């Protein structure tokens, strides 16, 4: 899961504390939490695709993760997988 220090309430900008309601303004943070979980899952799936040598799939998943929650980790994974997909994609066609 992304660090809760990276997330904040979209209403009042209070630091995310891992609960469904903002500790400062009471806003419902469930949609924010769901996006964070989806981003984490896409990032992890991208890392697994990268480990399997499926650079195109890894690049797509990293891009999805970055769109959902752009962190330094998703940014770095996106750059790496795009580079690998462009430069090494044809090298890893063995079954």
PDB file of N, CA and C in Angstrom:
ATOM      1  N   UNK A   1       0.834  -1.165   0.000  1.00  0.00           N
ATOM      2  CA  UNK A   1       0.000   0.000   0.000  1.00  0.00           C
ATOM      3  C   UNK A   1       0.884   1.236   0.000  1.00  0.00           C
ATOM      4  N   UNK A   2       0.507   2.274  -0.748  1.00  0.00           N
ATOM      5  CA  UNK A   2       1.309   3.486  -0.737  1.00  0.00           C
ATOM      6  C   UNK A   2       1.384   4.070   0.665  1.00  0.00           C
ATOM      7  N   UNK A   3       2.453   4.764   0.937  1.00  0.00           N
ATOM      8  CA  UNK A   3       2.612   5.406   2.229  1.00  0.00           C
ATOM      9  C   UNK A   3       1.507   6.424   2.445  1.00  0.00           C
ATOM     10  N   UNK A   4       0.890   6.405   3.638  1.00  0.00           N
ATOM     11  CA  UNK A   4      -0.185   7.348   3.895  1.00  0.00           C
ATOM     12  C   UNK A   4       0.342   8.775   4.003  1.00  0.00           C
ATOM     13  N   UNK A   5       1.644   8.972   4.093  1.00  0.00           N
ATOM     14  CA  UNK A   5       2.219  10.307   4.087  1.00  0.00           C
ATOM     15  C   UNK A   5       2.086  10.948   2.711  1.00  0.00           C
ATOM     16  N   UNK A   6       1.908  10.145   1.678  1.00  0.00           N
ATOM     17  CA  UNK A   6       1.784  10.644   0.317  1.00  0.00           C
ATOM     18  C   UNK A   6       0.357  11.055  -0.004  1.00  0.00           C
ATOM     19  N   UNK A   7      -0.589  10.681   0.804  1.00  0.00           N
ATOM     20  CA  UNK A   7      -1.993  10.967   0.538  1.00  0.00           C
ATOM     21  C   UNK A   7      -2.506  12.018   1.505  1.00  0.00           C
ATOM     22  N   UNK A   8      -3.418  12.829   1.015  1.00  0.00           N
ATOM     23  CA  UNK A   8      -4.043  13.816   1.887  1.00  0.00           C
ATOM     24  C   UNK A   8      -5.506  13.966   1.498  1.00  0.00           C
ATOM     25  N   UNK A   9      -6.279  14.506   2.402  1.00  0.00           N
ATOM     26  CA  UNK A   9      -7.697  14.724   2.172  1.00  0.00           C
ATOM     27  C   UNK A   9      -7.868  15.701   1.004  1.00  0.00           C
ATOM     28  N   UNK A  10      -8.676  15.358   0.006  1.00  0.00           N
ATOM     29  CA  UNK A  10      -8.870  16.273  -1.124  1.00  0.00           C
ATOM     30  C   UNK A  10      -9.697  17.508  -0.748  1.00  0.00           C
ATOM     31  N   UNK A  11     -10.346  17.482   0.395  1.00  0.00           N
ATOM     32  CA  UNK A  11     -11.180  18.610   0.816  1.00  0.00           C
ATOM     33  C   UNK A  11     -10.359  19.628   1.600  1.00  0.00           C
ATOM     34  N   UNK A  12      -9.675  19.174   2.653  1.00  0.00           N
ATOM     35  CA  UNK A  12      -8.972  20.114   3.539  1.00  0.00           C
ATOM     36  C   UNK A  12      -7.454  19.928   3.542  1.00  0.00           C
ATOM     37  N   UNK A  13      -6.961  18.929   2.817  1.00  0.00           N
ATOM     38  CA  UNK A  13      -5.524  18.641   2.689  1.00  0.00           C
ATOM     39  C   UNK A  13      -4.876  18.090   3.948  1.00  0.00           C
ATOM     40  N   UNK A  14      -5.685  17.649   4.915  1.00  0.00           N
ATOM     41  CA  UNK A  14      -5.126  17.019   6.114  1.00  0.00           C
ATOM     42  C   UNK A  14      -4.437  15.721   5.712  1.00  0.00           C
ATOM     43  N   UNK A  15      -3.412  15.363   6.444  1.00  0.00           N
ATOM     44  CA  UNK A  15      -2.675  14.130   6.189  1.00  0.00           C
ATOM     45  C   UNK A  15      -3.603  12.929   6.346  1.00  0.00           C
ATOM     46  N   UNK A  16      -3.476  11.989   5.428  1.00  0.00           N
ATOM     47  CA  UNK A  16      -4.273  10.766   5.461  1.00  0.00           C
ATOM     48  C   UNK A  16      -3.815   9.916   6.641  1.00  0.00           C
ATOM     49  N   UNK A  17      -4.764   9.464   7.452  1.00  0.00           N
ATOM     50  CA  UNK A  17      -4.410   8.683   8.641  1.00  0.00           C
ATOM     51  C   UNK A  17      -4.934   7.250   8.594  1.00  0.00           C
ATOM     52  N   UNK A  18      -5.375   6.796   7.424  1.00  0.00           N
ATOM     53  CA  UNK A  18      -5.769   5.412   7.265  1.00  0.00           C
ATOM     54  C   UNK A  18      -7.194   5.089   7.670  1.00  0.00           C
ATOM     55  N   UNK A  19      -8.029   6.104   7.874  1.00  0.00           N
ATOM     56  CA  UNK A  19      -9.418   5.835   8.218  1.00  0.00           C
ATOM     57  C   UNK A  19     -10.316   6.281   7.068  1.00  0.00           C
ATOM     58  N   UNK A  20     -11.551   5.834   7.091  1.00  0.00           N
ATOM     59  CA  UNK A  20     -12.495   6.134   6.010  1.00  0.00           C
ATOM     60  C   UNK A  20     -13.018   7.562   6.054  1.00  0.00           C
ATOM     61  N   UNK A  21     -12.780   8.260   7.146  1.00  0.00           N
ATOM     62  CA  UNK A  21     -13.218   9.649   7.271  1.00  0.00           C
ATOM     63  C   UNK A  21     -12.022  10.513   7.651  1.00  0.00           C
ATOM     64  N   UNK A  22     -11.979  11.710   7.084  1.00  0.00           N
ATOM     65  CA  UNK A  22     -10.899  12.638   7.395  1.00  0.00           C
ATOM     66  C   UNK A  22     -10.965  13.025   8.868  1.00  0.00           C
ATOM     67  N   UNK A  23      -9.811  12.999   9.511  1.00  0.00           N
ATOM     68  CA  UNK A  23      -9.764  13.322  10.935  1.00  0.00           C
ATOM     69  C   UNK A  23     -10.013  14.802  11.191  1.00  0.00           C
ATOM     70  N   UNK A  24      -9.814  15.631  10.187  1.00  0.00           N
ATOM     71  CA  UNK A  24     -10.019  17.067  10.364  1.00  0.00           C
ATOM     72  C   UNK A  24     -11.425  17.518   9.960  1.00  0.00           C
ATOM     73  N   UNK A  25     -11.845  17.179   8.740  1.00  0.00           N
ATOM     74  CA  UNK A  25     -13.119  17.721   8.242  1.00  0.00           C
ATOM     75  C   UNK A  25     -14.238  16.692   8.145  1.00  0.00           C
ATOM     76  N   UNK A  26     -13.907  15.417   8.318  1.00  0.00           N
ATOM     77  CA  UNK A  26     -14.922  14.371   8.282  1.00  0.00           C
ATOM     78  C   UNK A  26     -15.304  13.892   6.893  1.00  0.00           C
ATOM     79  N   UNK A  27     -14.626  14.358   5.845  1.00  0.00           N
ATOM     80  CA  UNK A  27     -14.938  13.936   4.475  1.00  0.00           C
ATOM     81  C   UNK A  27     -14.775  12.428   4.325  1.00  0.00           C
ATOM     82  N   UNK A  28     -15.618  11.834   3.485  1.00  0.00           N
ATOM     83  CA  UNK A  28     -15.537  10.404   3.199  1.00  0.00           C
ATOM     84  C   UNK A  28     -14.331  10.149   2.294  1.00  0.00           C
ATOM     85  N   UNK A  29     -13.384   9.391   2.781  1.00  0.00           N
ATOM     86  CA  UNK A  29     -12.152   9.113   2.044  1.00  0.00           C
ATOM     87  C   UNK A  29     -12.148   7.735   1.394  1.00  0.00           C
ATOM     88  N   UNK A  30     -13.290   7.063   1.421  1.00  0.00           N
ATOM     89  CA  UNK A  30     -13.376   5.722   0.838  1.00  0.00           C
ATOM     90  C   UNK A  30     -12.934   5.703  -0.624  1.00  0.00           C
ATOM     91  N   UNK A  31     -13.397   6.644  -1.474  1.00  0.00           N
ATOM     92  CA  UNK A  31     -12.931   6.609  -2.872  1.00  0.00           C
ATOM     93  C   UNK A  31     -11.418   6.786  -2.993  1.00  0.00           C
ATOM     94  N   UNK A  32     -10.831   7.625  -2.163  1.00  0.00           N
ATOM     95  CA  UNK A  32      -9.382   7.816  -2.167  1.00  0.00           C
ATOM     96  C   UNK A  32      -8.673   6.522  -1.773  1.00  0.00           C
ATOM     97  N   UNK A  33      -9.198   5.852  -0.765  1.00  0.00           N
ATOM     98  CA  UNK A  33      -8.604   4.592  -0.322  1.00  0.00           C
ATOM     99  C   UNK A  33      -8.707   3.535  -1.413  1.00  0.00           C
ATOM    100  N   UNK A  34      -9.842   3.487  -2.105  1.00  0.00           N
ATOM    101  CA  UNK A  34     -10.018   2.509  -3.181  1.00  0.00           C
ATOM    102  C   UNK A  34      -9.041   2.762  -4.324  1.00  0.00           C
ATOM    103  N   UNK A  35      -8.827   4.030  -4.667  1.00  0.00           N
ATOM    104  CA  UNK A  35      -7.847   4.349  -5.711  1.00  0.00           C
ATOM    105  C   UNK A  35      -6.442   3.943  -5.293  1.00  0.00           C
ATOM    106  N   UNK A  36      -6.101   4.181  -4.052  1.00  0.00           N
ATOM    107  CA  UNK A  36      -4.771   3.806  -3.558  1.00  0.00           C
ATOM    108  C   UNK A  36      -4.567   2.299  -3.635  1.00  0.00           C
ATOM    109  N   UNK A  37      -5.582   1.540  -3.287  1.00  0.00           N
ATOM    110  CA  UNK A  37      -5.489   0.078  -3.356  1.00  0.00           C
ATOM    111  C   UNK A  37      -5.354  -0.380  -4.807  1.00  0.00           C
ATOM    112  N   UNK A  38      -6.140   0.215  -5.708  1.00  0.00           N
ATOM    113  CA  UNK A  38      -6.055  -0.143  -7.129  1.00  0.00           C
ATOM    114  C   UNK A  38      -4.676   0.196  -7.694  1.00  0.00           C
ATOM    115  N   UNK A  39      -4.143   1.355  -7.312  1.00  0.00           N
ATOM    116  CA  UNK A  39      -2.813   1.756  -7.784  1.00  0.00           C
ATOM    117  C   UNK A  39      -1.755   0.794  -7.274  1.00  0.00           C
ATOM    118  N   UNK A  40      -1.847   0.418  -6.025  1.00  0.00           N
ATOM    119  CA  UNK A  40      -0.878  -0.518  -5.443  1.00  0.00           C
ATOM    120  C   UNK A  40      -0.947  -1.860  -6.156  1.00  0.00           C
ATOM    121  N   UNK A  41      -2.157  -2.344  -6.420  1.00  0.00           N
ATOM    122  CA  UNK A  41      -2.322  -3.631  -7.105  1.00  0.00           C
ATOM    123  C   UNK A  41      -1.742  -3.571  -8.518  1.00  0.00           C
ATOM    124  N   UNK A  42      -2.002  -2.486  -9.245  1.00  0.00           N
ATOM    125  CA  UNK A  42      -1.465  -2.347 -10.599  1.00  0.00           C
ATOM    126  C   UNK A  42       0.061  -2.278 -10.567  1.00  0.00           C
ATOM    127  N   UNK A  43       0.605  -1.580  -9.582  1.00  0.00           N
ATOM    128  CA  UNK A  43       2.062  -1.488  -9.441  1.00  0.00           C
ATOM    129  C   UNK A  43       2.660  -2.865  -9.176  1.00  0.00           C
ATOM    130  N   UNK A  44       2.070  -3.598  -8.254  1.00  0.00           N
ATOM    131  CA  UNK A  44       2.573  -4.940  -7.930  1.00  0.00           C
ATOM    132  C   UNK A  44       2.462  -5.867  -9.135  1.00  0.00           C
ATOM    133  N   UNK A  45       1.349  -5.800  -9.858  1.00  0.00           N
ATOM    134  CA  UNK A  45       1.188  -6.617 -11.062  1.00  0.00           C
ATOM    135  C   UNK A  45       2.222  -6.234 -12.118  1.00  0.00           C
ATOM    136  N   UNK A  46       2.530  -4.937 -12.201  1.00  0.00           N
ATOM    137  CA  UNK A  46       3.561  -4.475 -13.129  1.00  0.00           C
ATOM    138  C   UNK A  46       4.931  -5.020 -12.775  1.00  0.00           C
ATOM    139  N   UNK A  47       5.241  -5.042 -11.504  1.00  0.00           N
ATOM    140  CA  UNK A  47       6.516  -5.592 -11.045  1.00  0.00           C
ATOM    141  C   UNK A  47       6.586  -7.089 -11.370  1.00  0.00           C
ATOM    142  N   UNK A  48       5.486  -7.797 -11.171  1.00  0.00           N
ATOM    143  CA  UNK A  48       5.466  -9.233 -11.481  1.00  0.00           C
ATOM    144  C   UNK A  48       5.631  -9.468 -12.976  1.00  0.00           C
ATOM    145  N   UNK A  49       4.965  -8.651 -13.809  1.00  0.00           N
ATOM    146  CA  UNK A  49       5.115  -8.781 -15.264  1.00  0.00           C
ATOM    147  C   UNK A  49       6.552  -8.487 -15.677  1.00  0.00           C
ATOM    148  N   UNK A  50       7.157  -7.510 -15.035  1.00  0.00           N
ATOM    149  CA  UNK A  50       8.556  -7.173 -15.306  1.00  0.00           C
ATOM    150  C   UNK A  50       9.461  -8.364 -14.976  1.00  0.00           C
ATOM    151  N   UNK A  51       9.213  -8.990 -13.845  1.00  0.00           N
ATOM    152  CA  UNK A  51      10.015 -10.146 -13.431  1.00  0.00           C
ATOM    153  C   UNK A  51       9.875 -11.309 -14.410  1.00  0.00           C
ATOM    154  N   UNK A  52       8.701 -11.415 -15.049  1.00  0.00           N
ATOM    155  CA  UNK A  52       8.469 -12.483 -16.025  1.00  0.00           C
ATOM    156  C   UNK A  52       9.015 -12.131 -17.406  1.00  0.00           C
ATOM    157  N   UNK A  53       9.472 -10.885 -17.556  1.00  0.00           N
ATOM    158  CA  UNK A  53      10.001 -10.462 -18.844  1.00  0.00           C
ATOM    159  C   UNK A  53       8.954  -9.950 -19.810  1.00  0.00           C
ATOM    160  N   UNK A  54       7.731  -9.750 -19.345  1.00  0.00           N
ATOM    161  CA  UNK A  54       6.674  -9.215 -20.197  1.00  0.00           C
ATOM    162  C   UNK A  54       6.694  -7.692 -20.070  1.00  0.00           C
ATOM    163  N   UNK A  55       7.608  -7.074 -20.810  1.00  0.00           N
ATOM    164  CA  UNK A  55       7.862  -5.651 -20.655  1.00  0.00           C
ATOM    165  C   UNK A  55       6.688  -4.789 -21.113  1.00  0.00           C
ATOM    166  N   UNK A  56       5.994  -5.208 -22.162  1.00  0.00           N
ATOM    167  CA  UNK A  56       4.842  -4.430 -22.640  1.00  0.00           C
ATOM    168  C   UNK A  56       3.729  -4.423 -21.593  1.00  0.00           C
ATOM    169  N   UNK A  57       3.439  -5.573 -21.020  1.00  0.00           N
ATOM    170  CA  UNK A  57       2.408  -5.671 -19.975  1.00  0.00           C
ATOM    171  C   UNK A  57       2.841  -4.883 -18.735  1.00  0.00           C
ATOM    172  N   UNK A  58       4.108  -4.997 -18.375  1.00  0.00           N
ATOM    173  CA  UNK A  58       4.623  -4.258 -17.222  1.00  0.00           C
ATOM    174  C   UNK A  58       4.491  -2.762 -17.441  1.00  0.00           C
ATOM    175  N   UNK A  59       4.766  -2.306 -18.644  1.00  0.00           N
ATOM    176  CA  UNK A  59       4.658  -0.887 -18.964  1.00  0.00           C
ATOM    177  C   UNK A  59       3.216  -0.405 -18.866  1.00  0.00           C
ATOM    178  N   UNK A  60       2.301  -1.205 -19.376  1.00  0.00           N
ATOM    179  CA  UNK A  60       0.880  -0.849 -19.314  1.00  0.00           C
ATOM    180  C   UNK A  60       0.403  -0.773 -17.861  1.00  0.00           C
ATOM    181  N   UNK A  61       0.771  -1.738 -17.064  1.00  0.00           N
ATOM    182  CA  UNK A  61       0.360  -1.747 -15.658  1.00  0.00           C
ATOM    183  C   UNK A  61       1.003  -0.623 -14.857  1.00  0.00           C
ATOM    184  N   UNK A  62       2.262  -0.324 -15.147  1.00  0.00           N
ATOM    185  CA  UNK A  62       2.930   0.781 -14.471  1.00  0.00           C
ATOM    186  C   UNK A  62       2.254   2.105 -14.820  1.00  0.00           C
ATOM    187  N   UNK A  63       1.886   2.260 -16.079  1.00  0.00           N
ATOM    188  CA  UNK A  63       1.170   3.468 -16.487  1.00  0.00           C
ATOM    189  C   UNK A  63      -0.173   3.602 -15.794  1.00  0.00           C
ATOM    190  N   UNK A  64      -0.874   2.477 -15.649  1.00  0.00           N
ATOM    191  CA  UNK A  64      -2.156   2.490 -14.937  1.00  0.00           C
ATOM    192  C   UNK A  64      -1.952   2.898 -13.484  1.00  0.00           C
ATOM    193  N   UNK A  65      -0.947   2.341 -12.852  1.00  0.00           N
ATOM    194  CA  UNK A  65      -0.658   2.674 -11.456  1.00  0.00           C
ATOM    195  C   UNK A  65      -0.335   4.157 -11.309  1.00  0.00           C
ATOM    196  N   UNK A  66       0.446   4.686 -12.238  1.00  0.00           N
ATOM    197  CA  UNK A  66       0.826   6.100 -12.179  1.00  0.00           C
ATOM    198  C   UNK A  66      -0.374   7.013 -12.394  1.00  0.00           C
ATOM    199  N   UNK A  67      -1.291   6.602 -13.255  1.00  0.00           N
ATOM    200  CA  UNK A  67      -2.495   7.412 -13.468  1.00  0.00           C
ATOM    201  C   UNK A  67      -3.371   7.440 -12.217  1.00  0.00           C
ATOM    202  N   UNK A  68      -3.417   6.330 -11.518  1.00  0.00           N
ATOM    203  CA  UNK A  68      -4.249   6.255 -10.321  1.00  0.00           C
ATOM    204  C   UNK A  68      -3.621   6.976  -9.136  1.00  0.00           C
ATOM    205  N   UNK A  69      -2.296   6.819  -8.973  1.00  0.00           N
ATOM    206  CA  UNK A  69      -1.589   7.470  -7.862  1.00  0.00           C
ATOM    207  C   UNK A  69      -0.128   7.606  -8.247  1.00  0.00           C
ATOM    208  N   UNK A  70       0.233   8.779  -8.712  1.00  0.00           N
ATOM    209  CA  UNK A  70       1.588   8.993  -9.206  1.00  0.00           C
ATOM    210  C   UNK A  70       2.550   9.226  -8.046  1.00  0.00           C
ATOM    211  N   UNK A  71       3.375   8.233  -7.813  1.00  0.00           N
ATOM    212  CA  UNK A  71       4.404   8.307  -6.773  1.00  0.00           C
ATOM    213  C   UNK A  71       5.760   8.169  -7.445  1.00  0.00           C
ATOM    214  N   UNK A  72       6.808   8.365  -6.679  1.00  0.00           N
ATOM    215  CA  UNK A  72       8.156   8.176  -7.219  1.00  0.00           C
ATOM    216  C   UNK A  72       8.333   6.732  -7.696  1.00  0.00           C
ATOM    217  N   UNK A  73       7.787   5.786  -6.955  1.00  0.00           N
ATOM    218  CA  UNK A  73       7.922   4.369  -7.328  1.00  0.00           C
ATOM    219  C   UNK A  73       7.201   4.062  -8.642  1.00  0.00           C
ATOM    220  N   UNK A  74       5.981   4.578  -8.806  1.00  0.00           N
ATOM    221  CA  UNK A  74       5.255   4.317 -10.058  1.00  0.00           C
ATOM    222  C   UNK A  74       5.915   5.043 -11.220  1.00  0.00           C
ATOM    223  N   UNK A  75       6.434   6.232 -10.958  1.00  0.00           N
ATOM    224  CA  UNK A  75       7.131   6.980 -12.004  1.00  0.00           C
ATOM    225  C   UNK A  75       8.360   6.207 -12.465  1.00  0.00           C
ATOM    226  N   UNK A  76       9.152   5.725 -11.528  1.00  0.00           N
ATOM    227  CA  UNK A  76      10.360   4.968 -11.867  1.00  0.00           C
ATOM    228  C   UNK A  76      10.032   3.668 -12.590  1.00  0.00           C
ATOM    229  N   UNK A  77       8.989   2.975 -12.134  1.00  0.00           N
ATOM    230  CA  UNK A  77       8.582   1.736 -12.796  1.00  0.00           C
ATOM    231  C   UNK A  77       8.112   2.019 -14.218  1.00  0.00           C
ATOM    232  N   UNK A  78       7.379   3.103 -14.397  1.00  0.00           N
ATOM    233  CA  UNK A  78       6.902   3.481 -15.731  1.00  0.00           C
ATOM    234  C   UNK A  78       8.079   3.758 -16.665  1.00  0.00           C
ATOM    235  N   UNK A  79       9.036   4.535 -16.204  1.00  0.00           N
ATOM    236  CA  UNK A  79      10.206   4.836 -17.041  1.00  0.00           C
ATOM    237  C   UNK A  79      10.972   3.573 -17.408  1.00  0.00           C
ATOM    238  N   UNK A  80      11.221   2.723 -16.423  1.00  0.00           N
ATOM    239  CA  UNK A  80      11.973   1.496 -16.663  1.00  0.00           C
ATOM    240  C   UNK A  80      11.249   0.576 -17.634  1.00  0.00           C
ATOM    241  N   UNK A  81       9.954   0.362 -17.412  1.00  0.00           N
ATOM    242  CA  UNK A  81       9.227  -0.586 -18.261  1.00  0.00           C
ATOM    243  C   UNK A  81       9.035  -0.060 -19.673  1.00  0.00           C
ATOM    244  N   UNK A  82       8.851   1.258 -19.821  1.00  0.00           N
ATOM    245  CA  UNK A  82       8.750   1.819 -21.175  1.00  0.00           C
ATOM    246  C   UNK A  82      10.070   1.645 -21.914  1.00  0.00           C
ATOM    247  N   UNK A  83      11.163   1.892 -21.222  1.00  0.00           N
ATOM    248  CA  UNK A  83      12.466   1.720 -21.849  1.00  0.00           C
ATOM    249  C   UNK A  83      12.678   0.266 -22.240  1.00  0.00           C
ATOM    250  N   UNK A  84      12.397  -0.646 -21.327  1.00  0.00           N
ATOM    251  CA  UNK A  84      12.582  -2.069 -21.617  1.00  0.00           C
ATOM    252  C   UNK A  84      11.658  -2.537 -22.738  1.00  0.00           C
ATOM    253  N   UNK A  85      10.404  -2.088 -22.725  1.00  0.00           N
ATOM    254  CA  UNK A  85       9.458  -2.484 -23.773  1.00  0.00           C
ATOM    255  C   UNK A  85       9.939  -1.994 -25.134  1.00  0.00           C
ATOM    256  N   UNK A  86      10.530  -0.807 -25.167  1.00  0.00           N
ATOM    257  CA  UNK A  86      11.007  -0.247 -26.425  1.00  0.00           C
ATOM    258  C   UNK A  86      12.327  -0.819 -26.901  1.00  0.00           C
ATOM    259  N   UNK A  87      13.197  -1.175 -25.969  1.00  0.00           N
ATOM    260  CA  UNK A  87      14.540  -1.621 -26.334  1.00  0.00           C
ATOM    261  C   UNK A  87      14.756  -3.125 -26.244  1.00  0.00           C
ATOM    262  N   UNK A  88      13.996  -3.785 -25.401  1.00  0.00           N
ATOM    263  CA  UNK A  88      14.248  -5.207 -25.168  1.00  0.00           C
ATOM    264  C   UNK A  88      13.050  -6.082 -25.507  1.00  0.00           C
ATOM    265  N   UNK A  89      11.959  -5.498 -25.889  1.00  0.00           N
ATOM    266  CA  UNK A  89      10.738  -6.265 -26.123  1.00  0.00           C
ATOM    267  C   UNK A  89      10.926  -7.387 -27.133  1.00  0.00           C
ATOM    268  N   UNK A  90      11.724  -7.156 -28.144  1.00  0.00           N
ATOM    269  CA  UNK A  90      11.933  -8.177 -29.156  1.00  0.00           C
ATOM    270  C   UNK A  90      12.961  -9.215 -28.734  1.00  0.00           C
ATOM    271  N   UNK A  91      13.697  -8.935 -27.667  1.00  0.00           N
ATOM    272  CA  UNK A  91      14.714  -9.875 -27.201  1.00  0.00           C
ATOM    273  C   UNK A  91      14.142 -10.996 -26.357  1.00  0.00           C
ATOM    274  N   UNK A  92      12.960 -10.803 -25.839  1.00  0.00           N
ATOM    275  CA  UNK A  92      12.414 -11.766 -24.876  1.00  0.00           C
ATOM    276  C   UNK A  92      11.147 -12.417 -25.429  1.00  0.00           C
ATOM    277  N   UNK A  93      11.251 -12.996 -26.610  1.00  0.00           N
ATOM    278  CA  UNK A  93      10.111 -13.660 -27.238  1.00  0.00           C
ATOM    279  C   UNK A  93      10.116 -15.157 -27.021  1.00  0.00           C
ATOM    280  N   UNK A  94      11.079 -15.680 -26.281  1.00  0.00           N
ATOM    281  CA  UNK A  94      11.133 -17.117 -26.027  1.00  0.00           C
ATOM    282  C   UNK A  94       9.999 -17.509 -25.101  1.00  0.00           C
ATOM    283  N   UNK A  95       9.376 -18.690 -25.337  1.00  0.00           N
ATOM    284  CA  UNK A  95       8.277 -19.137 -24.446  1.00  0.00           C
ATOM    285  C   UNK A  95       8.762 -19.494 -23.069  1.00  0.00           C
TER     286      UNK A  95
END
